Amino acid sequence: LMHIQGTPQTMQKNPVYRDVVEEVGAFFA
């Protein structure tokens, strides 16, 4: 189970997080 923001076509256009560690953790949960 991997975290991604967007898709491979869009993911690096403008990734934004308030707190990347916590937001990835919330996604996992």
mmCIF file of all heavy atoms, coordinates in Angstrom:
data_MODEL
# 
_entry.id   MODEL 
# 
loop_
_atom_site.group_PDB 
_atom_site.id 
_atom_site.type_symbol 
_atom_site.label_atom_id 
_atom_site.label_alt_id 
_atom_site.label_comp_id 
_atom_site.label_asym_id 
_atom_site.label_entity_id 
_atom_site.label_seq_id 
_atom_site.pdbx_PDB_ins_code 
_atom_site.Cartn_x 
_atom_site.Cartn_y 
_atom_site.Cartn_z 
_atom_site.occupancy 
_atom_site.B_iso_or_equiv 
_atom_site.pdbx_formal_charge 
_atom_site.auth_seq_id 
_atom_site.auth_comp_id 
_atom_site.auth_asym_id 
_atom_site.auth_atom_id 
_atom_site.pdbx_PDB_model_num 
ATOM 1   N N   . LEU A 1 1  ? 0.855  -1.182 0.000   1.00 0.00 ? 1  LEU A N   1 
ATOM 2   C CA  . LEU A 1 1  ? 0.000  0.000  0.000   1.00 0.00 ? 1  LEU A CA  1 
ATOM 3   C C   . LEU A 1 1  ? 0.894  1.235  0.000   1.00 0.00 ? 1  LEU A C   1 
ATOM 4   O O   . LEU A 1 1  ? 1.527  1.550  0.992   1.00 0.00 ? 1  LEU A O   1 
ATOM 5   C CB  . LEU A 1 1  ? -0.889 -0.017 1.252   1.00 0.00 ? 1  LEU A CB  1 
ATOM 6   C CG  . LEU A 1 1  ? -1.743 1.201  1.553   1.00 0.00 ? 1  LEU A CG  1 
ATOM 7   C CD1 . LEU A 1 1  ? -2.858 1.340  0.532   1.00 0.00 ? 1  LEU A CD1 1 
ATOM 8   C CD2 . LEU A 1 1  ? -2.320 1.121  2.956   1.00 0.00 ? 1  LEU A CD2 1 
ATOM 9   N N   . MET A 1 2  ? 0.951  1.925  -1.141  1.00 0.00 ? 2  MET A N   1 
ATOM 10  C CA  . MET A 1 2  ? 1.813  3.091  -1.254  1.00 0.00 ? 2  MET A CA  1 
ATOM 11  C C   . MET A 1 2  ? 1.011  4.374  -1.303  1.00 0.00 ? 2  MET A C   1 
ATOM 12  O O   . MET A 1 2  ? -0.111 4.399  -1.810  1.00 0.00 ? 2  MET A O   1 
ATOM 13  C CB  . MET A 1 2  ? 2.691  2.994  -2.512  1.00 0.00 ? 2  MET A CB  1 
ATOM 14  C CG  . MET A 1 2  ? 3.892  3.929  -2.474  1.00 0.00 ? 2  MET A CG  1 
ATOM 15  S SD  . MET A 1 2  ? 4.734  4.071  -4.073  1.00 0.00 ? 2  MET A SD  1 
ATOM 16  C CE  . MET A 1 2  ? 3.735  5.371  -4.819  1.00 0.00 ? 2  MET A CE  1 
ATOM 17  N N   . HIS A 1 3  ? 1.600  5.444  -0.778  1.00 0.00 ? 3  HIS A N   1 
ATOM 18  C CA  . HIS A 1 3  ? 0.969  6.762  -0.842  1.00 0.00 ? 3  HIS A CA  1 
ATOM 19  C C   . HIS A 1 3  ? 1.416  7.495  -2.102  1.00 0.00 ? 3  HIS A C   1 
ATOM 20  O O   . HIS A 1 3  ? 2.587  7.469  -2.478  1.00 0.00 ? 3  HIS A O   1 
ATOM 21  C CB  . HIS A 1 3  ? 1.346  7.612  0.374   1.00 0.00 ? 3  HIS A CB  1 
ATOM 22  C CG  . HIS A 1 3  ? 0.825  9.023  0.282   1.00 0.00 ? 3  HIS A CG  1 
ATOM 23  N ND1 . HIS A 1 3  ? 1.532  10.033 -0.356  1.00 0.00 ? 3  HIS A ND1 1 
ATOM 24  C CD2 . HIS A 1 3  ? -0.338 9.572  0.708   1.00 0.00 ? 3  HIS A CD2 1 
ATOM 25  C CE1 . HIS A 1 3  ? 0.822  11.148 -0.302  1.00 0.00 ? 3  HIS A CE1 1 
ATOM 26  N NE2 . HIS A 1 3  ? -0.304 10.901 0.337   1.00 0.00 ? 3  HIS A NE2 1 
ATOM 27  N N   . ILE A 1 4  ? 0.460  8.144  -2.748  1.00 0.00 ? 4  ILE A N   1 
ATOM 28  C CA  . ILE A 1 4  ? 0.742  9.028  -3.881  1.00 0.00 ? 4  ILE A CA  1 
ATOM 29  C C   . ILE A 1 4  ? -0.194 10.218 -3.782  1.00 0.00 ? 4  ILE A C   1 
ATOM 30  O O   . ILE A 1 4  ? -1.326 10.093 -3.300  1.00 0.00 ? 4  ILE A O   1 
ATOM 31  C CB  . ILE A 1 4  ? 0.552  8.296  -5.227  1.00 0.00 ? 4  ILE A CB  1 
ATOM 32  C CG1 . ILE A 1 4  ? 0.995  9.159  -6.413  1.00 0.00 ? 4  ILE A CG1 1 
ATOM 33  C CG2 . ILE A 1 4  ? -0.889 7.856  -5.406  1.00 0.00 ? 4  ILE A CG2 1 
ATOM 34  C CD1 . ILE A 1 4  ? 0.976  8.431  -7.758  1.00 0.00 ? 4  ILE A CD1 1 
ATOM 35  N N   . GLN A 1 5  ? 0.280  11.383 -4.181  1.00 0.00 ? 5  GLN A N   1 
ATOM 36  C CA  . GLN A 1 5  ? -0.606 12.541 -4.328  1.00 0.00 ? 5  GLN A CA  1 
ATOM 37  C C   . GLN A 1 5  ? -0.766 12.779 -5.828  1.00 0.00 ? 5  GLN A C   1 
ATOM 38  O O   . GLN A 1 5  ? 0.190  13.106 -6.524  1.00 0.00 ? 5  GLN A O   1 
ATOM 39  C CB  . GLN A 1 5  ? -0.020 13.786 -3.659  1.00 0.00 ? 5  GLN A CB  1 
ATOM 40  C CG  . GLN A 1 5  ? -0.973 14.970 -3.664  1.00 0.00 ? 5  GLN A CG  1 
ATOM 41  C CD  . GLN A 1 5  ? -0.403 16.203 -2.991  1.00 0.00 ? 5  GLN A CD  1 
ATOM 42  O OE1 . GLN A 1 5  ? 0.127  17.092 -3.645  1.00 0.00 ? 5  GLN A OE1 1 
ATOM 43  N NE2 . GLN A 1 5  ? -0.492 16.259 -1.667  1.00 0.00 ? 5  GLN A NE2 1 
ATOM 44  N N   . GLY A 1 6  ? -1.984 12.585 -6.350  1.00 0.00 ? 6  GLY A N   1 
ATOM 45  C CA  . GLY A 1 6  ? -2.228 12.732 -7.768  1.00 0.00 ? 6  GLY A CA  1 
ATOM 46  C C   . GLY A 1 6  ? -2.005 11.423 -8.509  1.00 0.00 ? 6  GLY A C   1 
ATOM 47  O O   . GLY A 1 6  ? -2.212 10.330 -7.971  1.00 0.00 ? 6  GLY A O   1 
ATOM 48  N N   . THR A 1 7  ? -1.567 11.525 -9.755  1.00 0.00 ? 7  THR A N   1 
ATOM 49  C CA  . THR A 1 7  ? -1.268 10.374 -10.604 1.00 0.00 ? 7  THR A CA  1 
ATOM 50  C C   . THR A 1 7  ? 0.136  10.565 -11.168 1.00 0.00 ? 7  THR A C   1 
ATOM 51  O O   . THR A 1 7  ? 0.711  11.657 -11.056 1.00 0.00 ? 7  THR A O   1 
ATOM 52  C CB  . THR A 1 7  ? -2.271 10.282 -11.779 1.00 0.00 ? 7  THR A CB  1 
ATOM 53  O OG1 . THR A 1 7  ? -2.036 11.392 -12.671 1.00 0.00 ? 7  THR A OG1 1 
ATOM 54  C CG2 . THR A 1 7  ? -3.710 10.310 -11.288 1.00 0.00 ? 7  THR A CG2 1 
ATOM 55  N N   . PRO A 1 8  ? 0.716  9.527  -11.787 1.00 0.00 ? 8  PRO A N   1 
ATOM 56  C CA  . PRO A 1 8  ? 2.046  9.720  -12.374 1.00 0.00 ? 8  PRO A CA  1 
ATOM 57  C C   . PRO A 1 8  ? 2.110  10.885 -13.366 1.00 0.00 ? 8  PRO A C   1 
ATOM 58  O O   . PRO A 1 8  ? 3.157  11.521 -13.524 1.00 0.00 ? 8  PRO A O   1 
ATOM 59  C CB  . PRO A 1 8  ? 2.302  8.383  -13.078 1.00 0.00 ? 8  PRO A CB  1 
ATOM 60  C CG  . PRO A 1 8  ? 1.544  7.393  -12.267 1.00 0.00 ? 8  PRO A CG  1 
ATOM 61  C CD  . PRO A 1 8  ? 0.298  8.116  -11.865 1.00 0.00 ? 8  PRO A CD  1 
ATOM 62  N N   . GLN A 1 9  ? 0.997  11.165 -14.036 1.00 0.00 ? 9  GLN A N   1 
ATOM 63  C CA  . GLN A 1 9  ? 0.983  12.246 -15.013 1.00 0.00 ? 9  GLN A CA  1 
ATOM 64  C C   . GLN A 1 9  ? 0.946  13.631 -14.360 1.00 0.00 ? 9  GLN A C   1 
ATOM 65  O O   . GLN A 1 9  ? 1.369  14.616 -14.967 1.00 0.00 ? 9  GLN A O   1 
ATOM 66  C CB  . GLN A 1 9  ? -0.223 12.088 -15.946 1.00 0.00 ? 9  GLN A CB  1 
ATOM 67  C CG  . GLN A 1 9  ? -0.120 10.917 -16.928 1.00 0.00 ? 9  GLN A CG  1 
ATOM 68  C CD  . GLN A 1 9  ? -0.301 9.556  -16.267 1.00 0.00 ? 9  GLN A CD  1 
ATOM 69  O OE1 . GLN A 1 9  ? -1.054 9.426  -15.306 1.00 0.00 ? 9  GLN A OE1 1 
ATOM 70  N NE2 . GLN A 1 9  ? 0.366  8.541  -16.790 1.00 0.00 ? 9  GLN A NE2 1 
ATOM 71  N N   . THR A 1 10 ? 0.429  13.720 -13.114 1.00 0.00 ? 10 THR A N   1 
ATOM 72  C CA  . THR A 1 10 ? 0.229  15.036 -12.483 1.00 0.00 ? 10 THR A CA  1 
ATOM 73  C C   . THR A 1 10 ? 0.981  15.234 -11.179 1.00 0.00 ? 10 THR A C   1 
ATOM 74  O O   . THR A 1 10 ? 1.084  16.357 -10.692 1.00 0.00 ? 10 THR A O   1 
ATOM 75  C CB  . THR A 1 10 ? -1.266 15.243 -12.173 1.00 0.00 ? 10 THR A CB  1 
ATOM 76  O OG1 . THR A 1 10 ? -1.695 14.275 -11.174 1.00 0.00 ? 10 THR A OG1 1 
ATOM 77  C CG2 . THR A 1 10 ? -2.129 15.069 -13.421 1.00 0.00 ? 10 THR A CG2 1 
ATOM 78  N N   . MET A 1 11 ? 1.535  14.174 -10.614 1.00 0.00 ? 11 MET A N   1 
ATOM 79  C CA  . MET A 1 11 ? 1.973  14.194 -9.212  1.00 0.00 ? 11 MET A CA  1 
ATOM 80  C C   . MET A 1 11 ? 3.052  15.221 -8.890  1.00 0.00 ? 11 MET A C   1 
ATOM 81  O O   . MET A 1 11 ? 3.137  15.697 -7.759  1.00 0.00 ? 11 MET A O   1 
ATOM 82  C CB  . MET A 1 11 ? 2.432  12.793 -8.784  1.00 0.00 ? 11 MET A CB  1 
ATOM 83  C CG  . MET A 1 11 ? 3.638  12.281 -9.539  1.00 0.00 ? 11 MET A CG  1 
ATOM 84  S SD  . MET A 1 11 ? 3.955  10.537 -9.138  1.00 0.00 ? 11 MET A SD  1 
ATOM 85  C CE  . MET A 1 11 ? 5.450  10.250 -10.110 1.00 0.00 ? 11 MET A CE  1 
ATOM 86  N N   . GLN A 1 12 ? 3.895  15.575 -9.845  1.00 0.00 ? 12 GLN A N   1 
ATOM 87  C CA  . GLN A 1 12 ? 4.987  16.492 -9.539  1.00 0.00 ? 12 GLN A CA  1 
ATOM 88  C C   . GLN A 1 12 ? 4.726  17.923 -10.012 1.00 0.00 ? 12 GLN A C   1 
ATOM 89  O O   . GLN A 1 12 ? 5.629  18.763 -9.960  1.00 0.00 ? 12 GLN A O   1 
ATOM 90  C CB  . GLN A 1 12 ? 6.288  15.974 -10.156 1.00 0.00 ? 12 GLN A CB  1 
ATOM 91  C CG  . GLN A 1 12 ? 6.816  14.691 -9.507  1.00 0.00 ? 12 GLN A CG  1 
ATOM 92  C CD  . GLN A 1 12 ? 6.977  14.798 -8.006  1.00 0.00 ? 12 GLN A CD  1 
ATOM 93  O OE1 . GLN A 1 12 ? 6.222  14.204 -7.238  1.00 0.00 ? 12 GLN A OE1 1 
ATOM 94  N NE2 . GLN A 1 12 ? 7.952  15.586 -7.555  1.00 0.00 ? 12 GLN A NE2 1 
ATOM 95  N N   . LYS A 1 13 ? 3.500  18.233 -10.422 1.00 0.00 ? 13 LYS A N   1 
ATOM 96  C CA  . LYS A 1 13 ? 3.219  19.579 -10.918 1.00 0.00 ? 13 LYS A CA  1 
ATOM 97  C C   . LYS A 1 13 ? 3.242  20.618 -9.812  1.00 0.00 ? 13 LYS A C   1 
ATOM 98  O O   . LYS A 1 13 ? 3.789  21.705 -9.978  1.00 0.00 ? 13 LYS A O   1 
ATOM 99  C CB  . LYS A 1 13 ? 1.889  19.581 -11.672 1.00 0.00 ? 13 LYS A CB  1 
ATOM 100 C CG  . LYS A 1 13 ? 1.971  18.846 -13.009 1.00 0.00 ? 13 LYS A CG  1 
ATOM 101 C CD  . LYS A 1 13 ? 0.716  18.983 -13.834 1.00 0.00 ? 13 LYS A CD  1 
ATOM 102 C CE  . LYS A 1 13 ? 0.909  18.310 -15.194 1.00 0.00 ? 13 LYS A CE  1 
ATOM 103 N NZ  . LYS A 1 13 ? -0.317 18.391 -16.032 1.00 0.00 ? 13 LYS A NZ  1 
ATOM 104 N N   . ASN A 1 14 ? 2.638  20.299 -8.673  1.00 0.00 ? 14 ASN A N   1 
ATOM 105 C CA  . ASN A 1 14 ? 2.682  21.241 -7.547  1.00 0.00 ? 14 ASN A CA  1 
ATOM 106 C C   . ASN A 1 14 ? 2.241  20.547 -6.263  1.00 0.00 ? 14 ASN A C   1 
ATOM 107 O O   . ASN A 1 14 ? 1.198  20.860 -5.698  1.00 0.00 ? 14 ASN A O   1 
ATOM 108 C CB  . ASN A 1 14 ? 1.776  22.454 -7.821  1.00 0.00 ? 14 ASN A CB  1 
ATOM 109 C CG  . ASN A 1 14 ? 1.893  23.499 -6.728  1.00 0.00 ? 14 ASN A CG  1 
ATOM 110 O OD1 . ASN A 1 14 ? 2.956  23.684 -6.132  1.00 0.00 ? 14 ASN A OD1 1 
ATOM 111 N ND2 . ASN A 1 14 ? 0.795  24.190 -6.442  1.00 0.00 ? 14 ASN A ND2 1 
ATOM 112 N N   . PRO A 1 15 ? 3.026  19.574 -5.773  1.00 0.00 ? 15 PRO A N   1 
ATOM 113 C CA  . PRO A 1 15 ? 2.616  18.866 -4.556  1.00 0.00 ? 15 PRO A CA  1 
ATOM 114 C C   . PRO A 1 15 ? 2.673  19.778 -3.327  1.00 0.00 ? 15 PRO A C   1 
ATOM 115 O O   . PRO A 1 15 ? 3.678  20.463 -3.102  1.00 0.00 ? 15 PRO A O   1 
ATOM 116 C CB  . PRO A 1 15 ? 3.639  17.730 -4.454  1.00 0.00 ? 15 PRO A CB  1 
ATOM 117 C CG  . PRO A 1 15 ? 4.827  18.197 -5.230  1.00 0.00 ? 15 PRO A CG  1 
ATOM 118 C CD  . PRO A 1 15 ? 4.305  19.081 -6.314  1.00 0.00 ? 15 PRO A CD  1 
ATOM 119 N N   . VAL A 1 16 ? 1.580  19.808 -2.579  1.00 0.00 ? 16 VAL A N   1 
ATOM 120 C CA  . VAL A 1 16 ? 1.474  20.679 -1.404  1.00 0.00 ? 16 VAL A CA  1 
ATOM 121 C C   . VAL A 1 16 ? 0.976  19.854 -0.220  1.00 0.00 ? 16 VAL A C   1 
ATOM 122 O O   . VAL A 1 16 ? 0.038  19.057 -0.349  1.00 0.00 ? 16 VAL A O   1 
ATOM 123 C CB  . VAL A 1 16 ? 0.496  21.852 -1.668  1.00 0.00 ? 16 VAL A CB  1 
ATOM 124 C CG1 . VAL A 1 16 ? 0.312  22.683 -0.402  1.00 0.00 ? 16 VAL A CG1 1 
ATOM 125 C CG2 . VAL A 1 16 ? 1.011  22.727 -2.808  1.00 0.00 ? 16 VAL A CG2 1 
ATOM 126 N N   . TYR A 1 17 ? 1.601  20.052 0.941   1.00 0.00 ? 17 TYR A N   1 
ATOM 127 C CA  . TYR A 1 17 ? 1.178  19.409 2.184   1.00 0.00 ? 17 TYR A CA  1 
ATOM 128 C C   . TYR A 1 17 ? 1.259  20.430 3.310   1.00 0.00 ? 17 TYR A C   1 
ATOM 129 O O   . TYR A 1 17 ? 2.141  21.303 3.310   1.00 0.00 ? 17 TYR A O   1 
ATOM 130 C CB  . TYR A 1 17 ? 2.091  18.229 2.547   1.00 0.00 ? 17 TYR A CB  1 
ATOM 131 C CG  . TYR A 1 17 ? 2.104  17.101 1.550   1.00 0.00 ? 17 TYR A CG  1 
ATOM 132 C CD1 . TYR A 1 17 ? 2.980  17.125 0.456   1.00 0.00 ? 17 TYR A CD1 1 
ATOM 133 C CD2 . TYR A 1 17 ? 1.257  16.008 1.692   1.00 0.00 ? 17 TYR A CD2 1 
ATOM 134 C CE1 . TYR A 1 17 ? 3.002  16.091 -0.463  1.00 0.00 ? 17 TYR A CE1 1 
ATOM 135 C CE2 . TYR A 1 17 ? 1.281  14.965 0.782   1.00 0.00 ? 17 TYR A CE2 1 
ATOM 136 C CZ  . TYR A 1 17 ? 2.155  15.013 -0.300  1.00 0.00 ? 17 TYR A CZ  1 
ATOM 137 O OH  . TYR A 1 17 ? 2.173  13.985 -1.215  1.00 0.00 ? 17 TYR A OH  1 
ATOM 138 N N   . ARG A 1 18 ? 0.394  20.287 4.267   1.00 0.00 ? 18 ARG A N   1 
ATOM 139 C CA  . ARG A 1 18 ? 0.534  21.045 5.511   1.00 0.00 ? 18 ARG A CA  1 
ATOM 140 C C   . ARG A 1 18 ? 1.608  20.402 6.369   1.00 0.00 ? 18 ARG A C   1 
ATOM 141 O O   . ARG A 1 18 ? 2.473  21.075 6.918   1.00 0.00 ? 18 ARG A O   1 
ATOM 142 C CB  . ARG A 1 18 ? -0.811 21.080 6.252   1.00 0.00 ? 18 ARG A CB  1 
ATOM 143 C CG  . ARG A 1 18 ? -0.772 21.742 7.628   1.00 0.00 ? 18 ARG A CG  1 
ATOM 144 C CD  . ARG A 1 18 ? -2.118 21.599 8.337   1.00 0.00 ? 18 ARG A CD  1 
ATOM 145 N NE  . ARG A 1 18 ? -2.603 20.221 8.303   1.00 0.00 ? 18 ARG A NE  1 
ATOM 146 C CZ  . ARG A 1 18 ? -2.160 19.254 9.113   1.00 0.00 ? 18 ARG A CZ  1 
ATOM 147 N NH1 . ARG A 1 18 ? -1.229 19.497 10.024  1.00 0.00 ? 18 ARG A NH1 1 
ATOM 148 N NH2 . ARG A 1 18 ? -2.651 18.032 9.026   1.00 0.00 ? 18 ARG A NH2 1 
ATOM 149 N N   . ASP A 1 19 ? 1.548  19.063 6.478   1.00 0.00 ? 19 ASP A N   1 
ATOM 150 C CA  . ASP A 1 19 ? 2.533  18.268 7.215   1.00 0.00 ? 19 ASP A CA  1 
ATOM 151 C C   . ASP A 1 19 ? 2.599  16.923 6.509   1.00 0.00 ? 19 ASP A C   1 
ATOM 152 O O   . ASP A 1 19 ? 1.728  16.072 6.695   1.00 0.00 ? 19 ASP A O   1 
ATOM 153 C CB  . ASP A 1 19 ? 2.098  18.097 8.672   1.00 0.00 ? 19 ASP A CB  1 
ATOM 154 C CG  . ASP A 1 19 ? 3.109  17.323 9.523   1.00 0.00 ? 19 ASP A CG  1 
ATOM 155 O OD1 . ASP A 1 19 ? 3.778  16.416 8.979   1.00 0.00 ? 19 ASP A OD1 1 
ATOM 156 O OD2 . ASP A 1 19 ? 3.222  17.617 10.725  1.00 0.00 ? 19 ASP A OD2 1 
ATOM 157 N N   . VAL A 1 20 ? 3.616  16.721 5.683   1.00 0.00 ? 20 VAL A N   1 
ATOM 158 C CA  . VAL A 1 20 ? 3.656  15.534 4.831   1.00 0.00 ? 20 VAL A CA  1 
ATOM 159 C C   . VAL A 1 20 ? 3.702  14.246 5.640   1.00 0.00 ? 20 VAL A C   1 
ATOM 160 O O   . VAL A 1 20 ? 3.051  13.257 5.276   1.00 0.00 ? 20 VAL A O   1 
ATOM 161 C CB  . VAL A 1 20 ? 4.834  15.615 3.825   1.00 0.00 ? 20 VAL A CB  1 
ATOM 162 C CG1 . VAL A 1 20 ? 6.174  15.562 4.540   1.00 0.00 ? 20 VAL A CG1 1 
ATOM 163 C CG2 . VAL A 1 20 ? 4.728  14.530 2.765   1.00 0.00 ? 20 VAL A CG2 1 
ATOM 164 N N   . VAL A 1 21 ? 4.418  14.238 6.754   1.00 0.00 ? 21 VAL A N   1 
ATOM 165 C CA  . VAL A 1 21 ? 4.523  13.011 7.558   1.00 0.00 ? 21 VAL A CA  1 
ATOM 166 C C   . VAL A 1 21 ? 3.163  12.627 8.118   1.00 0.00 ? 21 VAL A C   1 
ATOM 167 O O   . VAL A 1 21 ? 2.732  11.464 8.024   1.00 0.00 ? 21 VAL A O   1 
ATOM 168 C CB  . VAL A 1 21 ? 5.554  13.187 8.691   1.00 0.00 ? 21 VAL A CB  1 
ATOM 169 C CG1 . VAL A 1 21 ? 5.565  11.952 9.607   1.00 0.00 ? 21 VAL A CG1 1 
ATOM 170 C CG2 . VAL A 1 21 ? 6.951  13.413 8.113   1.00 0.00 ? 21 VAL A CG2 1 
ATOM 171 N N   . GLU A 1 22 ? 2.447  13.600 8.659   1.00 0.00 ? 22 GLU A N   1 
ATOM 172 C CA  . GLU A 1 22 ? 1.147  13.314 9.248   1.00 0.00 ? 22 GLU A CA  1 
ATOM 173 C C   . GLU A 1 22 ? 0.089  13.013 8.188   1.00 0.00 ? 22 GLU A C   1 
ATOM 174 O O   . GLU A 1 22 ? -0.775 12.159 8.389   1.00 0.00 ? 22 GLU A O   1 
ATOM 175 C CB  . GLU A 1 22 ? 0.698  14.479 10.130  1.00 0.00 ? 22 GLU A CB  1 
ATOM 176 C CG  . GLU A 1 22 ? 1.472  14.581 11.429  1.00 0.00 ? 22 GLU A CG  1 
ATOM 177 C CD  . GLU A 1 22 ? 1.478  13.274 12.210  1.00 0.00 ? 22 GLU A CD  1 
ATOM 178 O OE1 . GLU A 1 22 ? 0.388  12.676 12.380  1.00 0.00 ? 22 GLU A OE1 1 
ATOM 179 O OE2 . GLU A 1 22 ? 2.564  12.838 12.636  1.00 0.00 ? 22 GLU A OE2 1 
ATOM 180 N N   . GLU A 1 23 ? 0.156  13.682 7.053   1.00 0.00 ? 23 GLU A N   1 
ATOM 181 C CA  . GLU A 1 23 ? -0.847 13.443 6.014   1.00 0.00 ? 23 GLU A CA  1 
ATOM 182 C C   . GLU A 1 23 ? -0.674 12.072 5.365   1.00 0.00 ? 23 GLU A C   1 
ATOM 183 O O   . GLU A 1 23 ? -1.654 11.398 5.049   1.00 0.00 ? 23 GLU A O   1 
ATOM 184 C CB  . GLU A 1 23 ? -0.800 14.556 4.967   1.00 0.00 ? 23 GLU A CB  1 
ATOM 185 C CG  . GLU A 1 23 ? -1.361 15.873 5.505   1.00 0.00 ? 23 GLU A CG  1 
ATOM 186 C CD  . GLU A 1 23 ? -1.270 17.018 4.525   1.00 0.00 ? 23 GLU A CD  1 
ATOM 187 O OE1 . GLU A 1 23 ? -1.769 16.867 3.383   1.00 0.00 ? 23 GLU A OE1 1 
ATOM 188 O OE2 . GLU A 1 23 ? -0.706 18.066 4.882   1.00 0.00 ? 23 GLU A OE2 1 
ATOM 189 N N   . VAL A 1 24 ? 0.568  11.637 5.179   1.00 0.00 ? 24 VAL A N   1 
ATOM 190 C CA  . VAL A 1 24 ? 0.792  10.274 4.691   1.00 0.00 ? 24 VAL A CA  1 
ATOM 191 C C   . VAL A 1 24 ? 0.306  9.273  5.737   1.00 0.00 ? 24 VAL A C   1 
ATOM 192 O O   . VAL A 1 24 ? -0.313 8.249  5.398   1.00 0.00 ? 24 VAL A O   1 
ATOM 193 C CB  . VAL A 1 24 ? 2.270  10.055 4.340   1.00 0.00 ? 24 VAL A CB  1 
ATOM 194 C CG1 . VAL A 1 24 ? 2.550  8.582  4.048   1.00 0.00 ? 24 VAL A CG1 1 
ATOM 195 C CG2 . VAL A 1 24 ? 2.667  10.905 3.134   1.00 0.00 ? 24 VAL A CG2 1 
ATOM 196 N N   . GLY A 1 25 ? 0.556  9.564  7.011   1.00 0.00 ? 25 GLY A N   1 
ATOM 197 C CA  . GLY A 1 25 ? 0.074  8.688  8.082   1.00 0.00 ? 25 GLY A CA  1 
ATOM 198 C C   . GLY A 1 25 ? -1.442 8.594  8.109   1.00 0.00 ? 25 GLY A C   1 
ATOM 199 O O   . GLY A 1 25 ? -2.011 7.513  8.307   1.00 0.00 ? 25 GLY A O   1 
ATOM 200 N N   . ALA A 1 26 ? -2.120 9.723  7.894   1.00 0.00 ? 26 ALA A N   1 
ATOM 201 C CA  . ALA A 1 26 ? -3.589 9.723  7.867   1.00 0.00 ? 26 ALA A CA  1 
ATOM 202 C C   . ALA A 1 26 ? -4.104 8.909  6.675   1.00 0.00 ? 26 ALA A C   1 
ATOM 203 O O   . ALA A 1 26 ? -5.112 8.193  6.789   1.00 0.00 ? 26 ALA A O   1 
ATOM 204 C CB  . ALA A 1 26 ? -4.107 11.159 7.797   1.00 0.00 ? 26 ALA A CB  1 
ATOM 205 N N   . PHE A 1 27 ? -3.421 9.026  5.541   1.00 0.00 ? 27 PHE A N   1 
ATOM 206 C CA  . PHE A 1 27 ? -3.779 8.226  4.367   1.00 0.00 ? 27 PHE A CA  1 
ATOM 207 C C   . PHE A 1 27 ? -3.657 6.735  4.691   1.00 0.00 ? 27 PHE A C   1 
ATOM 208 O O   . PHE A 1 27 ? -4.568 5.948  4.398   1.00 0.00 ? 27 PHE A O   1 
ATOM 209 C CB  . PHE A 1 27 ? -2.850 8.597  3.206   1.00 0.00 ? 27 PHE A CB  1 
ATOM 210 C CG  . PHE A 1 27 ? -2.995 7.732  1.986   1.00 0.00 ? 27 PHE A CG  1 
ATOM 211 C CD1 . PHE A 1 27 ? -3.948 8.015  1.021   1.00 0.00 ? 27 PHE A CD1 1 
ATOM 212 C CD2 . PHE A 1 27 ? -2.165 6.640  1.786   1.00 0.00 ? 27 PHE A CD2 1 
ATOM 213 C CE1 . PHE A 1 27 ? -4.077 7.226  -0.115  1.00 0.00 ? 27 PHE A CE1 1 
ATOM 214 C CE2 . PHE A 1 27 ? -2.280 5.847  0.654   1.00 0.00 ? 27 PHE A CE2 1 
ATOM 215 C CZ  . PHE A 1 27 ? -3.238 6.134  -0.296  1.00 0.00 ? 27 PHE A CZ  1 
ATOM 216 N N   . PHE A 1 28 ? -2.539 6.342  5.301   1.00 0.00 ? 28 PHE A N   1 
ATOM 217 C CA  . PHE A 1 28 ? -2.366 4.941  5.677   1.00 0.00 ? 28 PHE A CA  1 
ATOM 218 C C   . PHE A 1 28 ? -3.489 4.486  6.602   1.00 0.00 ? 28 PHE A C   1 
ATOM 219 O O   . PHE A 1 28 ? -4.068 3.412  6.414   1.00 0.00 ? 28 PHE A O   1 
ATOM 220 C CB  . PHE A 1 28 ? -1.022 4.740  6.378   1.00 0.00 ? 28 PHE A CB  1 
ATOM 221 C CG  . PHE A 1 28 ? 0.167  4.687  5.462   1.00 0.00 ? 28 PHE A CG  1 
ATOM 222 C CD1 . PHE A 1 28 ? 1.426  5.062  5.921   1.00 0.00 ? 28 PHE A CD1 1 
ATOM 223 C CD2 . PHE A 1 28 ? 0.062  4.258  4.152   1.00 0.00 ? 28 PHE A CD2 1 
ATOM 224 C CE1 . PHE A 1 28 ? 2.542  5.010  5.096   1.00 0.00 ? 28 PHE A CE1 1 
ATOM 225 C CE2 . PHE A 1 28 ? 1.165  4.204  3.311   1.00 0.00 ? 28 PHE A CE2 1 
ATOM 226 C CZ  . PHE A 1 28 ? 2.414  4.583  3.782   1.00 0.00 ? 28 PHE A CZ  1 
ATOM 227 N N   . ALA A 1 29 ? -3.795 5.276  7.614   1.00 0.00 ? 29 ALA A N   1 
ATOM 228 C CA  . ALA A 1 29 ? -4.812 4.884  8.594   1.00 0.00 ? 29 ALA A CA  1 
ATOM 229 C C   . ALA A 1 29 ? -6.161 4.643  7.919   1.00 0.00 ? 29 ALA A C   1 
ATOM 230 O O   . ALA A 1 29 ? -6.848 3.650  8.209   1.00 0.00 ? 29 ALA A O   1 
ATOM 231 C CB  . ALA A 1 29 ? -4.944 5.962  9.674   1.00 0.00 ? 29 ALA A CB  1 
# 
